[in-house]
Protein backbone atom coordinates (compact mmCIF):
# COMPACT_ATOMS: atom_id res chain seq x y z
CA MET A 1 60.14 38.07 68.50
CA ARG A 2 60.64 36.32 71.84
CA ARG A 3 62.45 33.44 70.12
CA ILE A 4 64.85 35.88 68.46
CA ALA A 5 65.58 37.54 71.80
CA LEU A 6 66.20 34.17 73.45
CA LEU A 7 68.40 33.01 70.59
CA THR A 8 70.39 36.25 70.71
CA ALA A 9 70.85 35.92 74.47
CA ALA A 10 72.01 32.31 74.07
CA ILE A 11 74.54 33.29 71.39
CA LEU A 12 75.90 36.14 73.51
CA LEU A 13 76.18 33.86 76.55
CA ALA A 14 78.01 31.21 74.53
CA ALA A 15 80.38 33.82 73.11
CA SER A 16 81.17 35.24 76.54
CA GLN A 17 81.80 31.76 77.93
CA ALA A 18 84.08 30.95 75.00
CA GLU A 19 86.06 34.13 75.63
CA ALA A 20 86.31 33.38 79.35
CA THR A 21 87.87 29.97 78.70
CA ASP A 22 90.19 31.12 75.93
CA PRO A 23 92.69 33.57 77.49
CA ASP A 24 94.99 35.77 75.46
CA ALA A 25 98.74 36.03 76.09
CA ASN A 26 98.35 38.96 78.52
CA GLU A 27 95.82 37.08 80.65
CA ILE A 28 98.18 34.11 80.74
CA ILE A 29 101.07 36.36 81.80
CA ARG A 30 98.98 37.90 84.59
CA SER A 31 98.11 34.42 85.85
CA LEU A 32 101.70 33.15 85.79
CA ALA A 33 103.79 36.25 86.61
CA PRO A 34 106.12 35.95 89.59
CA ILE A 35 104.60 37.49 92.68
CA THR A 36 105.61 38.53 96.13
CA TYR A 37 103.66 37.48 99.14
CA LEU A 38 103.40 38.26 102.80
CA PRO A 39 104.27 35.06 104.70
CA GLU A 40 102.29 36.17 107.72
CA HIS A 41 99.10 35.79 105.68
CA GLY A 42 99.66 32.03 105.47
CA GLY A 43 99.05 29.63 102.66
CA LYS A 44 101.42 28.55 99.94
CA PRO A 45 101.57 31.00 97.05
CA ARG A 46 101.13 29.43 93.64
CA ARG A 47 100.86 30.87 90.15
CA ALA A 48 98.95 28.67 87.70
CA ILE A 49 96.38 28.72 84.92
CA ASP A 50 94.05 26.01 83.64
CA LEU A 51 93.82 25.91 79.86
CA GLU A 52 91.18 23.97 77.98
CA VAL A 53 93.58 22.41 75.51
CA GLN A 54 91.48 20.22 73.24
CA PHE A 55 92.70 16.85 71.98
CA GLU A 56 91.18 14.38 69.61
CA SER A 57 89.01 11.97 71.59
CA GLY A 58 91.02 9.40 73.53
CA SER A 59 94.33 10.61 72.11
CA ALA A 60 97.15 13.08 72.64
CA LYS A 61 96.75 14.63 69.17
CA LEU A 62 96.22 18.39 69.44
CA THR A 63 93.23 19.95 67.68
CA LYS A 64 93.45 23.14 65.62
CA SER A 65 91.95 25.15 68.51
CA ALA A 66 94.55 23.65 70.87
CA ARG A 67 97.39 24.74 68.62
CA SER A 68 95.95 28.26 68.53
CA LEU A 69 95.70 28.39 72.33
CA LEU A 70 99.23 27.02 72.72
CA ALA A 71 100.53 29.73 70.38
CA ARG A 72 99.19 32.32 72.84
CA LEU A 73 100.76 30.37 75.72
CA ALA A 74 104.12 30.33 73.92
CA THR A 75 103.91 34.09 73.39
CA ALA A 76 103.32 34.51 77.12
CA LEU A 77 106.11 32.11 78.14
CA LYS A 78 108.60 33.97 75.94
CA ASP A 79 107.58 37.37 77.35
CA GLU A 80 110.30 39.09 79.40
CA ARG A 81 108.09 39.00 82.51
CA LEU A 82 108.14 35.19 82.46
CA ALA A 83 111.52 34.62 80.79
CA ALA A 84 113.29 33.65 84.02
CA SER A 85 110.59 31.19 85.13
CA ARG A 86 110.28 27.42 84.76
CA PHE A 87 106.89 25.76 84.22
CA GLU A 88 105.20 22.47 84.85
CA VAL A 89 102.68 21.31 82.26
CA THR A 90 100.17 19.08 84.05
CA GLY A 91 97.70 16.95 82.12
CA HIS A 92 94.31 16.15 83.69
CA THR A 93 91.43 13.93 82.57
CA ASP A 94 87.86 13.39 83.68
CA ALA A 95 86.92 10.20 85.55
CA SER A 96 85.31 8.35 82.65
CA GLY A 97 87.25 5.27 81.68
CA LYS A 98 89.71 3.26 83.74
CA ARG A 99 92.00 5.03 86.19
CA ALA A 100 95.21 3.56 84.72
CA TYR A 101 94.20 4.56 81.18
CA ASN A 102 93.37 8.11 82.33
CA GLN A 103 96.75 8.39 84.05
CA LYS A 104 98.66 7.35 80.92
CA LEU A 105 96.50 9.58 78.70
CA SER A 106 97.13 12.63 80.91
CA GLU A 107 100.89 11.97 80.78
CA ARG A 108 100.85 11.62 76.97
CA ARG A 109 98.85 14.83 76.64
CA ALA A 110 101.19 16.81 78.90
CA ARG A 111 104.19 15.56 76.90
CA ALA A 112 102.40 16.44 73.63
CA VAL A 113 101.86 20.02 74.83
CA VAL A 114 105.52 20.37 75.85
CA ALA A 115 106.68 18.87 72.53
CA TYR A 116 104.50 21.29 70.55
CA LEU A 117 105.62 24.32 72.60
CA VAL A 118 109.26 23.38 72.00
CA SER A 119 109.30 22.10 68.41
CA ALA A 120 106.65 24.25 66.76
CA LEU A 121 106.69 27.39 68.89
CA GLY A 122 110.31 27.76 70.04
CA VAL A 123 109.93 27.63 73.83
CA ASP A 124 113.17 26.57 75.55
CA ARG A 125 112.78 22.89 76.58
CA SER A 126 114.83 23.40 79.76
CA ARG A 127 112.05 25.64 81.12
CA LEU A 128 109.33 22.98 80.86
CA SER A 129 108.47 19.72 82.57
CA ALA A 130 105.48 17.48 81.91
CA ILE A 131 103.45 15.37 84.34
CA GLY A 132 100.05 13.72 84.26
CA LYS A 133 97.62 13.52 87.14
CA GLY A 134 94.91 11.54 85.36
CA GLU A 135 91.67 11.86 87.31
CA ASP A 136 93.35 12.52 90.67
CA ALA A 137 92.84 16.30 90.75
CA LEU A 138 89.39 16.93 89.34
CA LYS A 139 88.49 20.58 88.84
CA ASP A 140 84.80 19.71 89.25
CA PRO A 141 84.69 16.72 91.62
CA LEU A 142 80.89 16.82 91.86
CA ASN A 143 80.75 16.17 88.09
CA ALA A 144 83.58 13.68 87.66
CA ASN A 145 82.91 13.21 83.93
CA SER A 146 82.60 16.94 83.18
CA SER A 147 84.65 18.43 80.36
CA ALA A 148 85.94 21.00 82.89
CA ASN A 149 88.11 18.22 84.32
CA ARG A 150 89.82 17.63 80.95
CA ARG A 151 92.44 20.32 80.97
CA VAL A 152 96.11 21.22 80.96
CA GLU A 153 97.39 23.21 83.91
CA ILE A 154 100.44 25.43 83.59
CA VAL A 155 102.21 26.05 86.90
CA ASN A 156 105.03 28.54 87.46
CA LEU A 157 107.70 26.59 89.39
CA THR A 158 109.83 29.62 90.18
CA PRO A 159 109.93 30.05 93.97
CA VAL A 160 107.88 32.98 95.20
CA LYS A 161 109.86 35.39 97.31
CA PRO A 162 108.52 37.13 100.41
CA ALA A 163 107.91 40.84 99.87
CA ALA A 164 110.48 41.79 102.52
CA GLU A 165 113.21 39.84 100.72
CA MET A 166 112.41 41.50 97.40
CA ARG A 167 112.48 44.99 98.95
CA LYS A 168 115.84 44.17 100.55
CA ASN A 169 117.29 43.09 97.18
CA GLY A 170 115.79 46.08 95.33
CA GLU A 171 113.70 43.81 93.09
CA LYS A 172 110.45 44.77 91.41
CA LYS A 173 107.25 44.49 93.38
CA ALA A 174 104.50 42.11 92.28
CA ASN A 175 102.25 44.95 91.13
CA ASP A 176 105.07 46.29 88.95
CA ILE A 177 105.50 42.91 87.28
CA LEU A 178 101.78 42.39 86.80
CA MET A 179 101.40 45.88 85.33
CA GLY A 180 104.33 45.34 82.95
CA LYS A 181 106.66 47.90 84.54
């Protein structure tokens, strides 16, 4: 009985973790939607999302799960709330292997994602750029070889406007955009 309870708990935990790392199109939109900010609060506003795009080991060939995730990303990028934005697709690797190899691999993977978004999913190429950062921006620097470091980051490059400027121009507020108004 105890084993069944533990097994059930493990399955539920795994399922919840899988869902947390596999966002749907609306979650992607909320992460990338243009926002306003109050400059007096400091910091540089940035809209980005890390996606666990899976590739075949040591290559830039997308797996079936990667293509499924990128389909949701394409749906989000074509949504009217993101239609006016440009995006950077940034490839990242873990720190296993040689630095130069990881750099080239991250660049190939970023280009593969952009190529798939454009050719298979119809995203406008002029809205996308691809770069690779190799192992230079680890998500989990305490675990340099962790799978969490192997990811593709999508960054909204559209400049963020201060709230006062948006009010002056009669533009939508951030909350309106995020709520789909």
